[in-house]
Amino acid sequence: MKKLVVKTENCIGCGACVGIDSEHFTFNDEGFSIPVSNENLDSDKLQTAIDSCPVGIISVLKDDCNCEENCECKENCEKNA
């Protein structure tokens, strides 16, 4: 299963992703974005939210990736999603 990942520790809290796609994103108690759903990961709204992130911290990891959010192979996983 594909997995939506937000590197929340690098989030600046601009809210673009939440504003564009509240199906997949919300704010945590500190005002930073977190993923809320791994459903419908091929939606146009999700891709727009990912592309709109000013700090580029949102990604979808591919189906067979068993990685954690900050793994070394994450870049490869993202390219193959």
Protein backbone atom coordinates (compact mmCIF):
# COMPACT_ATOMS: atom_id res chain seq x y z
CA MET A 1 0.00 0.00 0.00
CA LYS A 2 1.25 3.48 -0.83
CA LYS A 3 1.87 5.76 2.11
CA LEU A 4 1.49 9.53 2.41
CA VAL A 5 4.39 11.08 4.31
CA VAL A 6 4.88 14.60 5.65
CA LYS A 7 8.21 15.51 7.24
CA THR A 8 6.40 17.52 9.90
CA GLU A 9 9.64 18.53 11.61
CA ASN A 10 10.44 20.62 8.51
CA CYS A 11 6.93 22.07 8.06
CA ILE A 12 6.59 25.85 8.16
CA GLY A 13 2.82 25.74 8.74
CA CYS A 14 1.83 27.68 5.63
CA GLY A 15 -1.35 25.62 5.26
CA ALA A 16 -1.27 25.20 1.48
CA CYS A 17 -1.71 21.43 1.66
CA VAL A 18 -4.57 21.64 4.17
CA GLY A 19 -6.29 24.35 2.13
CA ILE A 20 -5.98 22.39 -1.10
CA ASP A 21 -6.69 18.88 0.17
CA SER A 22 -8.27 18.51 3.59
CA GLU A 23 -9.05 14.87 2.76
CA HIS A 24 -5.37 14.07 3.21
CA PHE A 25 -3.99 16.80 5.51
CA THR A 26 -4.77 18.58 8.76
CA PHE A 27 -2.83 20.58 11.34
CA ASN A 28 -1.40 19.10 14.53
CA ASP A 29 -1.56 20.94 17.86
CA GLU A 30 1.57 22.91 16.98
CA GLY A 31 0.09 24.18 13.69
CA PHE A 32 2.08 21.94 11.37
CA SER A 33 0.74 19.66 8.65
CA ILE A 34 0.19 15.95 9.22
CA PRO A 35 -1.28 13.30 6.92
CA VAL A 36 -4.72 11.98 7.87
CA SER A 37 -5.49 9.48 5.12
CA ASN A 38 -3.75 6.96 2.90
CA GLU A 39 -6.87 6.52 0.74
CA ASN A 40 -7.25 7.93 -2.78
CA LEU A 41 -3.52 8.68 -3.14
CA ASP A 42 -3.85 9.12 -6.90
CA SER A 43 -6.14 12.14 -6.64
CA ASP A 44 -5.41 15.34 -8.51
CA LYS A 45 -6.00 17.40 -5.36
CA LEU A 46 -3.32 15.45 -3.51
CA GLN A 47 -0.80 15.94 -6.30
CA THR A 48 -1.61 19.67 -6.36
CA ALA A 49 -1.06 19.85 -2.58
CA ILE A 50 2.26 18.02 -2.89
CA ASP A 51 3.39 20.32 -5.70
CA SER A 52 2.29 23.41 -3.73
CA CYS A 53 4.36 22.68 -0.63
CA PRO A 54 6.92 25.52 -0.50
CA VAL A 55 9.44 23.39 1.42
CA GLY A 56 8.89 20.13 -0.49
CA ILE A 57 8.27 17.90 2.53
CA ILE A 58 5.31 15.86 1.26
CA SER A 59 5.71 12.59 -0.59
CA VAL A 60 3.97 9.33 -1.39
CA LEU A 61 6.10 6.25 -0.79
CA LYS A 62 5.70 3.35 -3.20
CA ASP A 63 3.80 0.16 -2.46
CA ASP A 64 6.71 -2.10 -1.55
CA CYS A 65 8.67 0.43 0.49
CA ASN A 66 9.03 -0.69 4.09
CA CYS A 67 10.86 2.46 5.02
CA GLU A 68 10.38 4.90 7.80
CA GLU A 69 9.78 8.56 7.04
CA ASN A 70 13.45 9.58 7.17
CA CYS A 71 15.10 6.51 5.65
CA GLU A 72 18.04 6.78 3.26
CA CYS A 73 16.20 5.17 0.36
CA LYS A 74 13.21 7.55 0.61
CA GLU A 75 14.26 9.51 -2.47
CA ASN A 76 14.32 6.31 -4.52
CA CYS A 77 10.93 5.28 -3.11
CA GLU A 78 9.40 8.63 -4.07
CA LYS A 79 10.67 8.43 -7.64
CA ASN A 80 9.11 5.00 -8.05
CA ALA A 81 5.73 5.78 -6.48
